[in-house]
N, C-alpha and C. Protein backbone atom coordinates (compact mmCIF):
# COMPACT_ATOMS: atom_id res chain seq x y z
N UNK A 1 276.43 2.72 220.46
CA UNK A 1 275.75 3.57 219.51
C UNK A 1 275.35 4.87 220.20
N UNK A 2 275.57 5.96 219.54
CA UNK A 2 275.28 7.28 220.09
C UNK A 2 273.84 7.68 219.78
N UNK A 3 273.11 8.10 220.79
CA UNK A 3 271.72 8.53 220.61
C UNK A 3 271.72 10.03 220.37
N UNK A 4 271.08 10.45 219.30
CA UNK A 4 271.03 11.87 218.95
C UNK A 4 269.90 12.56 219.70
N UNK A 5 269.95 13.88 219.69
CA UNK A 5 268.90 14.67 220.31
C UNK A 5 267.54 14.37 219.65
N UNK A 6 267.55 14.27 218.32
CA UNK A 6 266.30 13.99 217.59
C UNK A 6 265.71 12.64 218.02
N UNK A 7 266.57 11.63 218.24
CA UNK A 7 266.08 10.33 218.68
C UNK A 7 265.47 10.42 220.07
N UNK A 8 266.11 11.19 220.94
CA UNK A 8 265.57 11.36 222.29
C UNK A 8 264.21 12.04 222.26
N UNK A 9 264.10 13.07 221.41
CA UNK A 9 262.83 13.78 221.27
C UNK A 9 261.76 12.82 220.75
N UNK A 10 262.11 12.04 219.71
CA UNK A 10 261.16 11.07 219.14
C UNK A 10 260.72 10.07 220.19
N UNK A 11 261.66 9.53 220.94
CA UNK A 11 261.32 8.53 221.96
C UNK A 11 260.40 9.13 223.02
N UNK A 12 260.69 10.39 223.41
CA UNK A 12 259.83 11.06 224.38
C UNK A 12 258.43 11.28 223.84
N UNK A 13 258.36 11.72 222.60
CA UNK A 13 257.05 11.94 221.98
C UNK A 13 256.29 10.61 221.82
N UNK A 14 257.02 9.56 221.41
CA UNK A 14 256.38 8.26 221.23
C UNK A 14 255.85 7.74 222.55
N UNK A 15 256.63 7.88 223.62
CA UNK A 15 256.19 7.42 224.94
C UNK A 15 254.95 8.20 225.39
N UNK A 16 254.97 9.50 225.16
CA UNK A 16 253.82 10.33 225.54
C UNK A 16 252.59 9.95 224.71
N UNK A 17 252.80 9.72 223.42
CA UNK A 17 251.68 9.34 222.55
C UNK A 17 251.12 7.98 222.96
N UNK A 18 251.99 7.06 223.34
CA UNK A 18 251.54 5.75 223.81
C UNK A 18 250.69 5.88 225.07
N UNK A 19 250.99 6.91 225.88
CA UNK A 19 250.25 7.14 227.12
C UNK A 19 248.95 7.90 226.87
N UNK A 20 248.69 8.25 225.58
CA UNK A 20 247.44 8.91 225.24
C UNK A 20 247.53 10.40 225.00
N UNK A 21 248.73 10.95 224.93
CA UNK A 21 248.92 12.38 224.71
C UNK A 21 248.72 12.69 223.22
N UNK A 22 247.58 13.29 222.89
CA UNK A 22 247.25 13.60 221.49
C UNK A 22 248.19 14.65 220.92
N UNK A 23 248.68 15.56 221.74
CA UNK A 23 249.61 16.59 221.27
C UNK A 23 250.92 15.95 220.83
N UNK A 24 251.42 14.99 221.61
CA UNK A 24 252.66 14.30 221.25
C UNK A 24 252.47 13.54 219.93
N UNK A 25 251.33 12.89 219.77
CA UNK A 25 251.05 12.17 218.54
C UNK A 25 251.00 13.14 217.36
N UNK A 26 250.39 14.27 217.56
CA UNK A 26 250.31 15.30 216.52
C UNK A 26 251.71 15.80 216.14
N UNK A 27 252.57 15.95 217.13
CA UNK A 27 253.95 16.41 216.85
C UNK A 27 254.72 15.36 216.05
N UNK A 28 254.54 14.10 216.39
CA UNK A 28 255.18 13.05 215.61
C UNK A 28 254.68 13.06 214.17
N UNK A 29 253.37 13.21 214.02
CA UNK A 29 252.76 13.27 212.69
C UNK A 29 253.36 14.43 211.90
N UNK A 30 253.36 15.61 212.49
CA UNK A 30 253.89 16.80 211.80
C UNK A 30 255.38 16.66 211.49
N UNK A 31 256.10 16.08 212.41
CA UNK A 31 257.56 15.94 212.27
C UNK A 31 257.92 15.02 211.10
N UNK A 32 257.12 13.98 210.85
CA UNK A 32 257.48 12.98 209.85
C UNK A 32 256.66 13.02 208.57
N UNK A 33 255.61 13.78 208.51
CA UNK A 33 254.74 13.77 207.34
C UNK A 33 255.49 14.10 206.05
N UNK A 34 256.19 15.23 206.00
CA UNK A 34 256.88 15.62 204.76
C UNK A 34 258.04 14.69 204.40
N UNK A 35 258.93 14.37 205.34
CA UNK A 35 260.02 13.46 204.95
C UNK A 35 259.51 12.09 204.53
N UNK A 36 258.46 11.61 205.17
CA UNK A 36 257.89 10.32 204.82
C UNK A 36 257.27 10.37 203.43
N UNK A 37 256.56 11.46 203.14
CA UNK A 37 255.98 11.62 201.81
C UNK A 37 257.07 11.58 200.73
N UNK A 38 258.16 12.31 200.96
CA UNK A 38 259.26 12.33 199.98
C UNK A 38 259.85 10.92 199.80
N UNK A 39 260.00 10.20 200.89
CA UNK A 39 260.51 8.82 200.83
C UNK A 39 259.58 7.95 199.98
N UNK A 40 258.29 8.03 200.26
CA UNK A 40 257.31 7.22 199.53
C UNK A 40 257.28 7.63 198.06
N UNK A 41 257.30 8.92 197.79
CA UNK A 41 257.24 9.39 196.41
C UNK A 41 258.43 8.87 195.60
N UNK A 42 259.62 8.82 196.21
CA UNK A 42 260.79 8.28 195.51
C UNK A 42 260.58 6.83 195.11
N UNK A 43 259.74 6.11 195.85
CA UNK A 43 259.53 4.70 195.55
C UNK A 43 258.35 4.43 194.63
N UNK A 44 257.39 5.35 194.55
CA UNK A 44 256.24 5.11 193.68
C UNK A 44 256.15 6.09 192.53
N UNK A 45 256.81 7.24 192.67
CA UNK A 45 256.92 8.23 191.59
C UNK A 45 255.57 8.67 191.01
N UNK A 46 254.58 8.77 191.88
CA UNK A 46 253.25 9.21 191.47
C UNK A 46 252.62 9.95 192.64
N UNK A 47 252.22 11.20 192.43
CA UNK A 47 251.76 12.06 193.52
C UNK A 47 250.58 11.47 194.29
N UNK A 48 249.54 11.09 193.60
CA UNK A 48 248.35 10.59 194.29
C UNK A 48 248.64 9.30 195.05
N UNK A 49 249.39 8.39 194.44
CA UNK A 49 249.75 7.15 195.13
C UNK A 49 250.61 7.45 196.36
N UNK A 50 251.54 8.39 196.22
CA UNK A 50 252.40 8.75 197.35
C UNK A 50 251.57 9.36 198.48
N UNK A 51 250.62 10.20 198.13
CA UNK A 51 249.75 10.81 199.15
C UNK A 51 248.92 9.74 199.86
N UNK A 52 248.33 8.84 199.09
CA UNK A 52 247.51 7.77 199.67
C UNK A 52 248.35 6.86 200.57
N UNK A 53 249.52 6.48 200.07
CA UNK A 53 250.39 5.61 200.86
C UNK A 53 250.87 6.29 202.13
N UNK A 54 251.21 7.56 202.03
CA UNK A 54 251.67 8.30 203.21
C UNK A 54 250.56 8.34 204.26
N UNK A 55 249.34 8.58 203.83
CA UNK A 55 248.21 8.56 204.77
C UNK A 55 248.05 7.19 205.41
N UNK A 56 248.16 6.17 204.59
CA UNK A 56 248.06 4.80 205.11
C UNK A 56 249.17 4.50 206.12
N UNK A 57 250.37 4.93 205.82
CA UNK A 57 251.51 4.70 206.72
C UNK A 57 251.30 5.43 208.04
N UNK A 58 250.81 6.66 207.99
CA UNK A 58 250.56 7.40 209.22
C UNK A 58 249.46 6.72 210.04
N UNK A 59 248.47 6.19 209.38
CA UNK A 59 247.42 5.46 210.09
C UNK A 59 248.00 4.19 210.72
N UNK A 60 248.85 3.49 209.98
CA UNK A 60 249.50 2.31 210.54
C UNK A 60 250.36 2.69 211.74
N UNK A 61 251.04 3.84 211.64
CA UNK A 61 251.86 4.30 212.76
C UNK A 61 251.00 4.46 214.00
N UNK A 62 249.86 5.13 213.86
CA UNK A 62 248.97 5.34 215.00
C UNK A 62 248.48 4.00 215.56
N UNK A 63 248.07 3.09 214.68
CA UNK A 63 247.55 1.80 215.12
C UNK A 63 248.61 0.91 215.74
N UNK A 64 249.85 1.02 215.25
CA UNK A 64 250.91 0.15 215.74
C UNK A 64 251.75 0.78 216.85
N UNK A 65 251.51 2.05 217.15
CA UNK A 65 252.30 2.76 218.16
C UNK A 65 252.29 2.06 219.53
N UNK A 66 251.18 1.48 219.96
CA UNK A 66 251.24 0.77 221.26
C UNK A 66 252.28 -0.35 221.30
N UNK A 67 252.64 -0.89 220.15
CA UNK A 67 253.63 -1.96 220.10
C UNK A 67 255.07 -1.48 219.97
N UNK A 68 255.28 -0.17 219.81
CA UNK A 68 256.64 0.37 219.67
C UNK A 68 257.36 0.23 221.01
N UNK A 69 258.54 -0.39 220.99
CA UNK A 69 259.26 -0.68 222.24
C UNK A 69 260.64 -0.03 222.34
N UNK A 70 260.98 0.87 221.46
CA UNK A 70 262.28 1.56 221.48
C UNK A 70 263.45 0.60 221.28
N UNK A 71 263.22 -0.58 220.70
CA UNK A 71 264.32 -1.49 220.38
C UNK A 71 265.19 -0.88 219.28
N UNK A 72 264.57 -0.04 218.47
CA UNK A 72 265.28 0.74 217.46
C UNK A 72 264.76 2.16 217.59
N UNK A 73 265.33 3.06 216.83
CA UNK A 73 264.84 4.44 216.90
C UNK A 73 263.42 4.51 216.34
N UNK A 74 262.68 5.52 216.74
CA UNK A 74 261.32 5.70 216.24
C UNK A 74 261.36 5.85 214.72
N UNK A 75 262.33 6.60 214.22
CA UNK A 75 262.46 6.83 212.78
C UNK A 75 262.65 5.51 212.04
N UNK A 76 263.53 4.66 212.54
CA UNK A 76 263.77 3.36 211.92
C UNK A 76 262.49 2.53 211.92
N UNK A 77 261.79 2.54 213.03
CA UNK A 77 260.54 1.80 213.16
C UNK A 77 259.49 2.31 212.16
N UNK A 78 259.35 3.64 212.07
CA UNK A 78 258.37 4.23 211.16
C UNK A 78 258.72 3.94 209.70
N UNK A 79 260.00 4.04 209.35
CA UNK A 79 260.38 3.78 207.97
C UNK A 79 260.28 2.29 207.62
N UNK A 80 260.37 1.42 208.61
CA UNK A 80 260.11 0.00 208.36
C UNK A 80 258.64 -0.20 208.00
N UNK A 81 257.77 0.50 208.70
CA UNK A 81 256.34 0.47 208.37
C UNK A 81 256.15 0.97 206.93
N UNK A 82 256.85 2.04 206.59
CA UNK A 82 256.74 2.61 205.24
C UNK A 82 257.22 1.62 204.19
N UNK A 83 258.36 0.97 204.43
CA UNK A 83 258.87 0.00 203.45
C UNK A 83 257.88 -1.15 203.25
N UNK A 84 257.27 -1.61 204.33
CA UNK A 84 256.28 -2.68 204.20
C UNK A 84 255.06 -2.19 203.43
N UNK A 85 254.63 -0.98 203.68
CA UNK A 85 253.47 -0.43 202.97
C UNK A 85 253.77 -0.29 201.47
N UNK A 86 254.98 0.14 201.15
CA UNK A 86 255.38 0.29 199.75
C UNK A 86 255.42 -1.09 199.07
N UNK A 87 255.97 -2.07 199.77
CA UNK A 87 256.00 -3.43 199.22
C UNK A 87 254.59 -3.95 199.01
N UNK A 88 253.70 -3.70 199.98
CA UNK A 88 252.29 -4.11 199.83
C UNK A 88 251.66 -3.41 198.62
N UNK A 89 251.97 -2.14 198.46
CA UNK A 89 251.45 -1.37 197.32
C UNK A 89 251.84 -2.04 196.01
N UNK A 90 253.13 -2.33 195.84
CA UNK A 90 253.58 -2.93 194.59
C UNK A 90 253.05 -4.35 194.42
N UNK A 91 252.93 -5.06 195.54
CA UNK A 91 252.42 -6.42 195.49
C UNK A 91 250.98 -6.42 194.96
N UNK A 92 250.15 -5.51 195.45
CA UNK A 92 248.77 -5.47 195.00
C UNK A 92 248.63 -4.77 193.65
N UNK A 93 249.48 -3.80 193.40
CA UNK A 93 249.41 -3.05 192.14
C UNK A 93 249.69 -3.94 190.94
N UNK A 94 250.65 -4.82 191.10
CA UNK A 94 251.03 -5.69 190.00
C UNK A 94 250.83 -7.15 190.37
N UNK A 95 249.72 -7.39 191.04
CA UNK A 95 249.39 -8.76 191.44
C UNK A 95 249.14 -9.58 190.18
N UNK A 96 249.76 -10.70 190.13
CA UNK A 96 249.66 -11.56 188.95
C UNK A 96 249.13 -12.91 189.41
N UNK A 97 248.20 -13.46 188.66
CA UNK A 97 247.64 -14.76 189.00
C UNK A 97 248.71 -15.85 188.94
N UNK A 98 248.48 -16.88 189.71
CA UNK A 98 249.42 -17.99 189.79
C UNK A 98 249.71 -18.60 188.42
N UNK A 99 248.72 -18.67 187.57
CA UNK A 99 248.95 -19.28 186.26
C UNK A 99 249.89 -18.47 185.40
N UNK A 100 250.03 -17.18 185.67
CA UNK A 100 250.93 -16.36 184.89
C UNK A 100 252.36 -16.44 185.41
N UNK A 101 252.54 -16.83 186.65
CA UNK A 101 253.87 -16.93 187.24
C UNK A 101 254.73 -17.88 186.44
N UNK A 102 254.17 -19.03 186.11
CA UNK A 102 254.93 -20.02 185.36
C UNK A 102 255.33 -19.48 184.00
N UNK A 103 254.42 -18.75 183.37
CA UNK A 103 254.73 -18.16 182.07
C UNK A 103 255.83 -17.13 182.18
N UNK A 104 255.75 -16.28 183.22
CA UNK A 104 256.75 -15.24 183.41
C UNK A 104 258.13 -15.82 183.68
N UNK A 105 258.19 -16.83 184.52
CA UNK A 105 259.48 -17.36 184.94
C UNK A 105 260.04 -18.40 183.98
N UNK A 106 259.21 -18.84 183.02
CA UNK A 106 259.68 -19.81 182.05
C UNK A 106 259.76 -21.22 182.62
N UNK A 107 259.16 -21.45 183.79
CA UNK A 107 259.23 -22.75 184.44
C UNK A 107 258.28 -23.75 183.83
N UNK A 108 257.14 -23.30 183.38
CA UNK A 108 256.17 -24.24 182.85
C UNK A 108 255.12 -23.50 182.05
N UNK A 109 253.97 -24.12 181.93
CA UNK A 109 252.89 -23.50 181.18
C UNK A 109 251.77 -23.13 182.12
N UNK A 110 250.84 -22.36 181.64
CA UNK A 110 249.71 -21.94 182.47
C UNK A 110 248.95 -23.17 182.96
N UNK A 111 248.49 -23.09 184.21
CA UNK A 111 247.80 -24.23 184.79
C UNK A 111 246.34 -24.30 184.40
N UNK A 112 245.81 -23.23 183.87
CA UNK A 112 244.40 -23.22 183.53
C UNK A 112 244.21 -23.79 182.14
N UNK A 113 243.21 -24.61 181.99
CA UNK A 113 242.95 -25.22 180.70
C UNK A 113 242.07 -24.35 179.83
N UNK A 114 241.16 -23.63 180.43
CA UNK A 114 240.23 -22.79 179.68
C UNK A 114 240.94 -21.49 179.31
N UNK A 115 241.22 -21.31 178.02
CA UNK A 115 241.96 -20.14 177.57
C UNK A 115 241.27 -18.84 177.94
N UNK A 116 239.94 -18.84 177.95
CA UNK A 116 239.22 -17.62 178.33
C UNK A 116 239.52 -17.24 179.77
N UNK A 117 239.66 -18.22 180.64
CA UNK A 117 239.95 -17.94 182.05
C UNK A 117 241.36 -17.41 182.23
N UNK A 118 242.28 -17.85 181.40
CA UNK A 118 243.67 -17.40 181.53
C UNK A 118 243.77 -15.91 181.27
N UNK A 119 242.84 -15.36 180.50
CA UNK A 119 242.87 -13.93 180.20
C UNK A 119 241.67 -13.21 180.78
N UNK A 120 241.06 -13.80 181.79
CA UNK A 120 239.89 -13.17 182.42
C UNK A 120 240.27 -11.82 183.00
N UNK A 121 239.42 -10.82 182.85
CA UNK A 121 239.75 -9.50 183.35
C UNK A 121 239.84 -9.50 184.87
N UNK A 122 240.71 -8.62 185.38
CA UNK A 122 240.84 -8.43 186.81
C UNK A 122 240.21 -7.09 187.14
N UNK A 123 240.62 -6.45 188.21
CA UNK A 123 240.03 -5.19 188.70
C UNK A 123 239.44 -4.31 187.60
N UNK A 124 240.31 -3.81 186.75
CA UNK A 124 239.84 -2.86 185.74
C UNK A 124 239.85 -3.47 184.34
N UNK A 125 240.02 -4.76 184.24
CA UNK A 125 239.99 -5.40 182.94
C UNK A 125 241.33 -5.46 182.24
N UNK A 126 242.33 -4.73 182.72
CA UNK A 126 243.62 -4.72 182.04
C UNK A 126 244.79 -4.95 182.99
N UNK A 127 244.55 -5.15 184.25
CA UNK A 127 245.62 -5.27 185.23
C UNK A 127 246.59 -6.38 184.89
N UNK A 128 246.10 -7.58 184.61
CA UNK A 128 246.98 -8.71 184.31
C UNK A 128 247.79 -8.46 183.04
N UNK A 129 247.14 -7.94 182.01
CA UNK A 129 247.86 -7.67 180.76
C UNK A 129 248.92 -6.59 180.96
N UNK A 130 248.57 -5.58 181.72
CA UNK A 130 249.52 -4.49 181.98
C UNK A 130 250.69 -5.01 182.81
N UNK A 131 250.41 -5.81 183.82
CA UNK A 131 251.47 -6.38 184.65
C UNK A 131 252.40 -7.24 183.80
N UNK A 132 251.81 -8.05 182.92
CA UNK A 132 252.62 -8.89 182.04
C UNK A 132 253.51 -8.03 181.14
N UNK A 133 252.97 -6.97 180.58
CA UNK A 133 253.74 -6.10 179.69
C UNK A 133 254.90 -5.44 180.45
N UNK A 134 254.62 -4.97 181.65
CA UNK A 134 255.67 -4.34 182.46
C UNK A 134 256.73 -5.38 182.80
N UNK A 135 256.29 -6.52 183.28
CA UNK A 135 257.20 -7.58 183.69
C UNK A 135 258.11 -8.02 182.55
N UNK A 136 257.53 -8.19 181.35
CA UNK A 136 258.31 -8.66 180.20
C UNK A 136 259.37 -7.65 179.76
N UNK A 137 259.16 -6.38 180.05
CA UNK A 137 260.12 -5.36 179.64
C UNK A 137 261.27 -5.21 180.64
N UNK A 138 261.17 -5.85 181.79
CA UNK A 138 262.24 -5.78 182.79
C UNK A 138 263.39 -6.70 182.39
N UNK A 139 264.61 -6.33 182.77
CA UNK A 139 265.73 -7.25 182.54
C UNK A 139 265.52 -8.56 183.31
N UNK A 140 266.10 -9.62 182.81
CA UNK A 140 265.92 -10.95 183.40
C UNK A 140 266.25 -10.98 184.89
N UNK A 141 267.34 -10.36 185.29
CA UNK A 141 267.73 -10.41 186.71
C UNK A 141 266.69 -9.72 187.59
N UNK A 142 266.05 -8.67 187.09
CA UNK A 142 265.00 -8.00 187.85
C UNK A 142 263.75 -8.87 187.93
N UNK A 143 263.40 -9.52 186.81
CA UNK A 143 262.24 -10.41 186.81
C UNK A 143 262.43 -11.54 187.82
N UNK A 144 263.64 -12.06 187.85
CA UNK A 144 263.93 -13.18 188.77
C UNK A 144 263.77 -12.74 190.23
N UNK A 145 264.32 -11.60 190.57
CA UNK A 145 264.23 -11.12 191.95
C UNK A 145 262.77 -10.81 192.31
N UNK A 146 262.04 -10.15 191.43
CA UNK A 146 260.64 -9.82 191.72
C UNK A 146 259.79 -11.08 191.83
N UNK A 147 260.07 -12.07 191.01
CA UNK A 147 259.33 -13.32 191.09
C UNK A 147 259.53 -13.97 192.46
N UNK A 148 260.79 -14.05 192.88
CA UNK A 148 261.08 -14.66 194.18
C UNK A 148 260.46 -13.86 195.33
N UNK A 149 260.63 -12.54 195.29
CA UNK A 149 260.22 -11.70 196.43
C UNK A 149 258.71 -11.52 196.52
N UNK A 150 258.05 -11.21 195.42
CA UNK A 150 256.65 -10.82 195.50
C UNK A 150 255.68 -11.90 195.05
N UNK A 151 256.02 -12.62 194.03
CA UNK A 151 255.09 -13.62 193.54
C UNK A 151 255.19 -14.90 194.38
N UNK A 152 256.43 -15.35 194.62
CA UNK A 152 256.63 -16.53 195.46
C UNK A 152 256.70 -16.17 196.94
N UNK A 153 256.77 -14.88 197.23
CA UNK A 153 256.80 -14.31 198.57
C UNK A 153 257.93 -14.90 199.42
N UNK A 154 259.10 -14.99 198.84
CA UNK A 154 260.27 -15.45 199.57
C UNK A 154 260.91 -14.29 200.32
N UNK A 155 261.65 -14.60 201.35
CA UNK A 155 262.37 -13.58 202.11
C UNK A 155 263.59 -13.14 201.30
N UNK A 156 264.24 -12.07 201.77
CA UNK A 156 265.46 -11.61 201.11
C UNK A 156 266.52 -12.71 201.17
N UNK A 157 266.64 -13.35 202.32
CA UNK A 157 267.63 -14.42 202.48
C UNK A 157 267.35 -15.59 201.53
N UNK A 158 266.09 -15.98 201.42
CA UNK A 158 265.73 -17.08 200.51
C UNK A 158 265.99 -16.69 199.06
N UNK A 159 265.69 -15.45 198.73
CA UNK A 159 265.93 -14.97 197.36
C UNK A 159 267.43 -14.94 197.07
N UNK A 160 268.20 -14.49 198.06
CA UNK A 160 269.66 -14.43 197.89
C UNK A 160 270.21 -15.83 197.63
N UNK A 161 269.74 -16.80 198.39
CA UNK A 161 270.20 -18.19 198.21
C UNK A 161 269.80 -18.71 196.83
N UNK A 162 268.55 -18.47 196.43
CA UNK A 162 268.04 -18.97 195.15
C UNK A 162 268.76 -18.35 193.96
N UNK A 163 269.21 -17.10 194.11
CA UNK A 163 269.84 -16.40 192.99
C UNK A 163 271.36 -16.34 193.12
N UNK A 164 271.89 -16.95 194.18
CA UNK A 164 273.33 -16.92 194.45
C UNK A 164 273.85 -15.49 194.48
N UNK A 165 273.11 -14.64 195.20
CA UNK A 165 273.42 -13.22 195.32
C UNK A 165 273.44 -12.85 196.79
N UNK A 166 274.24 -11.87 197.14
CA UNK A 166 274.28 -11.40 198.52
C UNK A 166 272.94 -10.74 198.88
N UNK A 167 272.48 -10.88 200.13
CA UNK A 167 271.20 -10.27 200.53
C UNK A 167 271.13 -8.77 200.24
N UNK A 168 272.22 -8.07 200.46
CA UNK A 168 272.24 -6.63 200.17
C UNK A 168 272.01 -6.34 198.70
N UNK A 169 272.57 -7.19 197.84
CA UNK A 169 272.38 -7.01 196.40
C UNK A 169 270.95 -7.33 195.99
N UNK A 170 270.32 -8.29 196.69
CA UNK A 170 268.91 -8.60 196.41
C UNK A 170 268.06 -7.37 196.69
N UNK A 171 268.32 -6.70 197.82
CA UNK A 171 267.56 -5.50 198.17
C UNK A 171 267.76 -4.40 197.13
N UNK A 172 268.99 -4.23 196.68
CA UNK A 172 269.29 -3.20 195.67
C UNK A 172 268.58 -3.54 194.36
N UNK A 173 268.66 -4.80 193.94
CA UNK A 173 268.00 -5.19 192.69
C UNK A 173 266.49 -5.06 192.80
N UNK A 174 265.94 -5.41 193.96
CA UNK A 174 264.49 -5.27 194.16
C UNK A 174 264.09 -3.81 194.04
N UNK A 175 264.84 -2.93 194.68
CA UNK A 175 264.54 -1.51 194.62
C UNK A 175 264.61 -1.01 193.17
N UNK A 176 265.68 -1.37 192.50
CA UNK A 176 265.86 -0.92 191.11
C UNK A 176 264.79 -1.51 190.19
N UNK A 177 264.43 -2.76 190.43
CA UNK A 177 263.40 -3.41 189.61
C UNK A 177 262.05 -2.72 189.79
N UNK A 178 261.69 -2.40 191.03
CA UNK A 178 260.42 -1.73 191.28
C UNK A 178 260.42 -0.32 190.68
N UNK A 179 261.54 0.35 190.80
CA UNK A 179 261.65 1.70 190.23
C UNK A 179 261.51 1.63 188.70
N UNK A 180 262.19 0.68 188.09
CA UNK A 180 262.10 0.53 186.64
C UNK A 180 260.69 0.11 186.22
N UNK A 181 260.07 -0.78 186.99
CA UNK A 181 258.70 -1.20 186.69
C UNK A 181 257.75 -0.01 186.73
N UNK A 182 257.94 0.88 187.69
CA UNK A 182 257.09 2.06 187.79
C UNK A 182 257.25 2.95 186.56
N UNK A 183 258.50 3.11 186.11
CA UNK A 183 258.75 3.93 184.92
C UNK A 183 258.14 3.29 183.67
N UNK A 184 258.29 1.99 183.54
CA UNK A 184 257.71 1.27 182.40
C UNK A 184 256.19 1.37 182.43
N UNK A 185 255.62 1.22 183.62
CA UNK A 185 254.16 1.29 183.75
C UNK A 185 253.63 2.64 183.30
N UNK A 186 254.37 3.70 183.60
CA UNK A 186 253.94 5.04 183.16
C UNK A 186 253.95 5.15 181.64
N UNK A 187 254.94 4.50 181.00
CA UNK A 187 255.04 4.53 179.54
C UNK A 187 253.90 3.76 178.89
N UNK A 188 253.43 2.72 179.56
CA UNK A 188 252.40 1.84 178.99
C UNK A 188 251.02 2.48 179.09
N UNK A 189 250.82 3.40 180.02
CA UNK A 189 249.50 4.03 180.23
C UNK A 189 248.93 4.38 178.93
């Protein structure tokens, strides 16, 4: 594999930042802030959420920098942090109670006996209802992938096996499902 000039610069800056060089850390921050923001915005399609997530990712970068070992390029490492942060964002944004999982997937019925509890308000009083509405508007194949990945918290490989789909296709469907869910959520506002 050929190492580019940009990768060498990143590795040098990362090594200096790990050694406590605040200027190197600042250069890494400046170098990646805009491209990272654009990456995040493409996945959440909302300015304030993208700004918040980008800040969170940069903070994670600073906190996790001591563990960076150059096994991959700095860019790859940073964007892996970003992908995890985006997944965490969607996981918490559309967190659905366990009793609703069965309803969504058609596997069974709600486990709660008290009907009032099944519709108990969450954070803002409408999160569960909104999540259900978004989820129900997704195509079946997207619902299946999101259920496996985020609700059941299966790996890509486990999801691929469960859906008889190639791992690469699971990633594509997950991306498309989250993008479509974001668009649907905007319509429901």
